[in-house]
Amino acid sequence: MATRGFPTGKWIVLVGVVAIVGGCSRSASNDHKPKPVDEVVEKPAPETVGTAAHEPGAERVATSDEDRAVLASLEAKIRERDPSTDVVTEETVERYGQKLTQYRMGSPSIRARLPVQLDVPTLIMYTPIEERAGSSAAATTLMDAVGKAMDVIPDLMHHGQIAIEPVAIWFAVKPGQKTRSWVSGLVQPLLIQDRDRLLRDLGAITVPEIKQPIVIGIVFPPHGQSVNAFDLPLPRDWLIAKTQAAPKPLVFPEDLFAIVWPD
């Protein structure tokens, strides 16, 4: 089911997210140099991380009036970029005390360019937007940048520049107008050249100045399949960072970025 919602807590602790998501499918970031084929094409780790990965799945939870007000503001910013965007009905999912927001984006312009093998994208709000952006104007500009990142996949696939594969992107921004992305194939590892092309194009997107780091997921699932943020594989270096920091939990995204994306 498509979802909308907003995290009610200010912080998300990565140790919990890692335990929830588990697994380790192949991912990459746009600060990494290309790796040999035998390093990139590998099977996901057969074990999950932490005991919570064996617990029951995420459940739907109610959304407060305050959350709905934030959602309405964010939806308005999405529609500012493309008034025809169809933001599908809201649902907030929770697992182990953590909530995540998802928006299924049904823009006709995306549908027209999207391969039939893929479904329309889902945005996952790993962090609040306007609060961390610092102003409504910065949040609006950021959502425009996210829209451009969302356009990268159908554009490249439509022109045959990357293979048609279900894919997840973690689009991150931090103060100093810095941006970095991580990408991962959902069904199988991405080809090296496809990974590098995606990261190059995502890295060229201009982002606004913001107050605190922001992370947004962009997921193109297989056609007819829904997205649950808690079931997505996390980028490999995020999992490695969590292991390096153990037993201390990583506050997301500040503590994580201090390891995987230092200034």
Protein backbone atom coordinates (compact mmCIF):
# COMPACT_ATOMS: atom_id res chain seq x y z
CA MET A 1 0.00 0.00 0.00
CA ALA A 2 1.24 3.50 -0.73
CA THR A 3 1.94 5.62 2.28
CA ARG A 4 2.14 9.07 3.73
CA GLY A 5 3.21 10.06 7.19
CA PHE A 6 5.91 11.85 9.15
CA PRO A 7 8.37 10.76 11.84
CA THR A 8 7.12 11.95 15.21
CA GLY A 9 10.49 11.61 16.91
CA LYS A 10 13.30 14.08 16.17
CA TRP A 11 15.98 11.39 16.01
CA ILE A 12 16.20 7.97 14.45
CA VAL A 13 18.85 5.71 15.94
CA LEU A 14 20.66 3.74 13.25
CA VAL A 15 21.20 0.69 15.41
CA GLY A 16 17.43 0.23 15.47
CA VAL A 17 17.07 0.86 11.76
CA VAL A 18 19.82 -1.63 10.98
CA ALA A 19 18.24 -4.24 13.21
CA ILE A 20 14.91 -3.66 11.50
CA VAL A 21 16.15 -3.74 7.94
CA GLY A 22 18.86 -6.36 8.24
CA GLY A 23 20.48 -7.85 5.17
CA CYS A 24 23.19 -6.23 3.09
CA SER A 25 22.45 -6.04 -0.63
CA ARG A 26 24.96 -4.35 -2.88
CA SER A 27 24.92 -0.57 -2.66
CA ALA A 28 27.26 2.30 -3.50
CA SER A 29 27.70 6.00 -2.89
CA ASN A 30 28.80 8.79 -5.17
CA ASP A 31 31.99 9.39 -3.20
CA HIS A 32 33.28 5.89 -3.96
CA LYS A 33 35.61 4.99 -6.79
CA PRO A 34 34.51 2.18 -9.15
CA LYS A 35 35.25 -1.29 -7.76
CA PRO A 36 36.22 -4.46 -9.59
CA VAL A 37 33.36 -6.64 -10.77
CA ASP A 38 34.08 -9.33 -8.21
CA GLU A 39 33.65 -6.75 -5.43
CA VAL A 40 30.50 -5.20 -6.78
CA VAL A 41 28.60 -8.30 -7.85
CA GLU A 42 28.22 -10.24 -4.66
CA LYS A 43 25.36 -11.96 -2.89
CA PRO A 44 23.59 -10.25 -0.01
CA ALA A 45 24.72 -11.27 3.44
CA PRO A 46 22.73 -14.34 4.51
CA GLU A 47 22.30 -13.12 8.08
CA THR A 48 20.38 -10.19 9.44
CA VAL A 49 21.87 -7.72 11.87
CA GLY A 50 20.51 -7.83 15.40
CA THR A 51 17.76 -9.89 16.95
CA ALA A 52 15.01 -7.41 16.08
CA ALA A 53 15.19 -8.52 12.45
CA HIS A 54 13.40 -11.70 13.46
CA GLU A 55 10.50 -9.86 15.10
CA PRO A 56 7.05 -9.30 13.50
CA GLY A 57 6.72 -6.83 10.62
CA ALA A 58 5.83 -3.17 10.62
CA GLU A 59 2.27 -2.20 11.47
CA ARG A 60 0.09 0.68 10.43
CA VAL A 61 -0.31 3.41 13.05
CA ALA A 62 -2.53 6.44 13.40
CA THR A 63 -1.22 9.88 12.49
CA SER A 64 -1.73 12.83 14.82
CA ASP A 65 -3.28 16.16 13.84
CA GLU A 66 0.14 17.77 14.20
CA ASP A 67 1.65 15.21 11.83
CA ARG A 68 -1.16 15.82 9.35
CA ALA A 69 -0.40 19.54 9.35
CA VAL A 70 3.25 18.82 8.55
CA LEU A 71 2.16 16.39 5.84
CA ALA A 72 -0.10 18.99 4.27
CA SER A 73 2.80 21.47 4.15
CA LEU A 74 5.12 18.91 2.57
CA GLU A 75 2.51 17.80 0.06
CA ALA A 76 2.02 21.44 -0.95
CA LYS A 77 5.74 21.70 -1.68
CA ILE A 78 5.61 18.54 -3.78
CA ARG A 79 2.71 19.93 -5.78
CA GLU A 80 4.46 23.28 -6.27
CA ARG A 81 6.93 21.50 -8.50
CA ASP A 82 4.34 19.50 -10.45
CA PRO A 83 0.65 20.28 -9.79
CA SER A 84 -0.34 17.08 -11.59
CA THR A 85 1.48 14.89 -9.06
CA ASP A 86 -0.82 12.33 -7.49
CA VAL A 87 0.27 11.89 -3.86
CA VAL A 88 -1.47 8.72 -2.77
CA THR A 89 -3.29 8.32 0.54
CA GLU A 90 -1.48 8.44 3.83
CA GLU A 91 -0.22 5.62 5.97
CA THR A 92 2.38 5.71 8.73
CA VAL A 93 4.30 2.53 9.46
CA GLU A 94 6.06 1.77 12.70
CA ARG A 95 8.45 -0.92 13.81
CA TYR A 96 10.14 -1.20 17.19
CA GLY A 97 9.12 2.29 18.24
CA GLN A 98 10.27 4.01 15.05
CA LYS A 99 8.02 5.64 12.45
CA LEU A 100 8.79 6.50 8.85
CA THR A 101 6.93 8.57 6.28
CA GLN A 102 6.30 7.44 2.71
CA TYR A 103 4.71 9.14 -0.30
CA ARG A 104 3.83 7.28 -3.47
CA MET A 105 4.32 9.67 -6.38
CA GLY A 106 1.98 9.18 -9.34
CA SER A 107 3.10 12.03 -11.59
CA PRO A 108 1.85 11.53 -15.18
CA SER A 109 5.17 12.89 -16.45
CA ILE A 110 7.01 10.12 -14.60
CA ARG A 111 4.55 7.44 -15.69
CA ALA A 112 4.99 8.44 -19.32
CA ARG A 113 8.75 7.86 -19.14
CA LEU A 114 8.85 4.95 -16.70
CA PRO A 115 9.47 1.42 -18.05
CA VAL A 116 6.46 -0.85 -17.63
CA GLN A 117 8.56 -3.19 -15.49
CA LEU A 118 8.73 -0.59 -12.71
CA ASP A 119 6.12 1.07 -10.53
CA VAL A 120 5.94 4.77 -9.73
CA PRO A 121 8.44 5.97 -7.12
CA THR A 122 7.94 6.13 -3.38
CA LEU A 123 9.60 8.89 -1.37
CA ILE A 124 10.72 7.93 2.15
CA MET A 125 11.29 10.78 4.60
CA TYR A 126 14.04 9.50 6.88
CA THR A 127 14.31 12.96 8.45
CA PRO A 128 11.94 15.94 8.82
CA ILE A 129 12.25 18.43 5.98
CA GLU A 130 11.19 21.98 6.87
CA GLU A 131 12.56 21.86 10.43
CA ARG A 132 15.99 20.76 9.23
CA ALA A 133 15.98 22.91 6.10
CA GLY A 134 15.64 25.99 8.30
CA SER A 135 12.98 27.79 6.28
CA SER A 136 10.01 27.15 4.07
CA ALA A 137 11.90 28.52 1.07
CA ALA A 138 14.84 26.17 1.62
CA ALA A 139 12.46 23.23 2.05
CA THR A 140 10.72 24.09 -1.23
CA THR A 141 14.06 24.31 -3.05
CA LEU A 142 15.14 21.03 -1.52
CA MET A 143 11.97 19.29 -2.68
CA ASP A 144 12.69 20.58 -6.19
CA ALA A 145 16.14 18.97 -5.95
CA VAL A 146 14.53 15.73 -4.77
CA GLY A 147 12.18 15.94 -7.75
CA LYS A 148 15.18 16.20 -10.06
CA ALA A 149 16.76 13.19 -8.34
CA MET A 150 13.51 11.31 -8.80
CA ASP A 151 13.58 12.14 -12.54
CA VAL A 152 17.07 10.68 -13.02
CA ILE A 153 15.91 7.03 -13.04
CA PRO A 154 13.17 7.20 -15.71
CA ASP A 155 15.25 9.56 -17.85
CA LEU A 156 18.29 7.26 -17.94
CA MET A 157 16.23 4.10 -18.41
CA HIS A 158 14.04 5.68 -21.08
CA HIS A 159 17.11 6.51 -23.15
CA GLY A 160 18.74 3.12 -22.58
CA GLN A 161 21.62 4.61 -20.58
CA ILE A 162 21.18 2.22 -17.66
CA ALA A 163 19.51 -1.18 -17.38
CA ILE A 164 15.88 -1.40 -16.28
CA GLU A 165 16.12 -2.59 -12.67
CA PRO A 166 14.19 -1.87 -9.47
CA VAL A 167 16.38 0.53 -7.50
CA ALA A 168 16.61 2.44 -4.23
CA ILE A 169 18.36 5.78 -3.80
CA TRP A 170 19.29 7.47 -0.53
CA PHE A 171 19.60 11.17 -1.39
CA ALA A 172 21.38 13.08 1.39
CA VAL A 173 22.07 16.78 1.90
CA LYS A 174 24.00 18.54 4.64
CA PRO A 175 25.05 22.13 5.46
CA GLY A 176 27.42 23.75 2.99
CA GLN A 177 25.19 22.74 0.05
CA LYS A 178 26.79 19.31 0.08
CA THR A 179 24.99 16.32 -1.38
CA ARG A 180 25.76 12.64 -1.59
CA SER A 181 23.77 9.62 -2.70
CA TRP A 182 23.83 5.89 -2.16
CA VAL A 183 22.18 3.50 -4.63
CA SER A 184 21.21 -0.16 -4.49
CA GLY A 185 19.52 -2.64 -6.78
CA LEU A 186 16.46 -4.18 -5.12
CA VAL A 187 16.44 -7.47 -7.04
CA GLN A 188 20.05 -7.86 -8.08
CA PRO A 189 23.27 -5.81 -7.89
CA LEU A 190 23.53 -2.87 -10.25
CA LEU A 191 26.02 -3.02 -13.09
CA ILE A 192 29.16 -1.01 -12.30
CA GLN A 193 28.60 1.40 -15.17
CA ASP A 194 24.96 1.91 -14.18
CA ARG A 195 25.89 2.58 -10.57
CA ASP A 196 28.53 5.10 -11.60
CA ARG A 197 26.20 6.87 -14.05
CA LEU A 198 23.48 7.17 -11.42
CA LEU A 199 25.86 8.56 -8.80
CA ARG A 200 27.37 11.02 -11.27
CA ASP A 201 23.99 12.42 -12.29
CA LEU A 202 22.69 12.53 -8.73
CA GLY A 203 25.85 14.27 -7.56
CA ALA A 204 25.36 17.03 -10.14
CA ILE A 205 22.04 18.16 -8.63
CA THR A 206 22.22 21.56 -6.93
CA VAL A 207 20.87 21.67 -3.37
CA PRO A 208 20.04 24.61 -1.09
CA GLU A 209 21.77 25.64 2.11
CA ILE A 210 20.16 23.87 5.06
CA LYS A 211 20.58 23.80 8.85
CA GLN A 212 20.86 20.05 9.54
CA PRO A 213 21.45 16.89 7.49
CA ILE A 214 18.45 15.55 5.58
CA VAL A 215 18.00 12.10 4.06
CA ILE A 216 15.25 11.11 1.63
CA GLY A 217 14.82 7.69 0.05
CA ILE A 218 13.61 7.33 -3.55
CA VAL A 219 12.48 3.82 -4.44
CA PHE A 220 11.36 2.46 -7.81
CA PRO A 221 9.93 -1.00 -7.01
CA PRO A 222 8.95 -3.73 -9.46
CA HIS A 223 5.59 -3.10 -11.13
CA GLY A 224 2.67 -3.90 -8.86
CA GLN A 225 4.75 -4.05 -5.69
CA SER A 226 4.51 -1.68 -2.75
CA VAL A 227 7.38 -0.30 -0.69
CA ASN A 228 8.00 -0.64 3.03
CA ALA A 229 10.99 1.41 4.17
CA PHE A 230 11.74 -0.99 7.00
CA ASP A 231 12.29 -3.84 4.55
CA LEU A 232 14.77 -2.06 2.28
CA PRO A 233 18.45 -3.09 2.35
CA LEU A 234 20.62 -0.35 3.84
CA PRO A 235 23.81 0.80 2.08
CA ARG A 236 26.75 -1.43 2.88
CA ASP A 237 28.93 1.29 4.40
CA TRP A 238 26.08 2.28 6.73
CA LEU A 239 26.05 -1.25 8.10
CA ILE A 240 29.83 -1.27 8.41
CA ALA A 241 29.68 2.05 10.30
CA LYS A 242 27.14 0.61 12.71
CA THR A 243 29.45 -2.34 13.38
CA GLN A 244 32.45 -0.06 13.89
CA ALA A 245 30.55 2.11 16.36
CA ALA A 246 29.18 -0.81 18.40
CA PRO A 247 28.13 -1.05 21.15
CA LYS A 248 27.30 2.66 20.92
CA PRO A 249 24.18 3.33 18.80
CA LEU A 250 24.50 5.83 15.96
CA VAL A 251 22.16 8.81 16.03
CA PHE A 252 20.85 9.11 12.48
CA PRO A 253 22.04 10.81 10.41
CA GLU A 254 24.60 12.95 12.31
CA ASP A 255 26.65 10.16 13.93
CA LEU A 256 26.43 8.03 10.81
CA PHE A 257 27.65 10.81 8.51
CA ALA A 258 30.56 11.53 10.85
CA ILE A 259 31.83 8.06 9.81
CA VAL A 260 30.67 7.55 6.22
CA TRP A 261 30.58 11.18 5.05
CA PRO A 262 32.91 13.33 7.19
CA ASP A 263 33.55 17.00 6.38
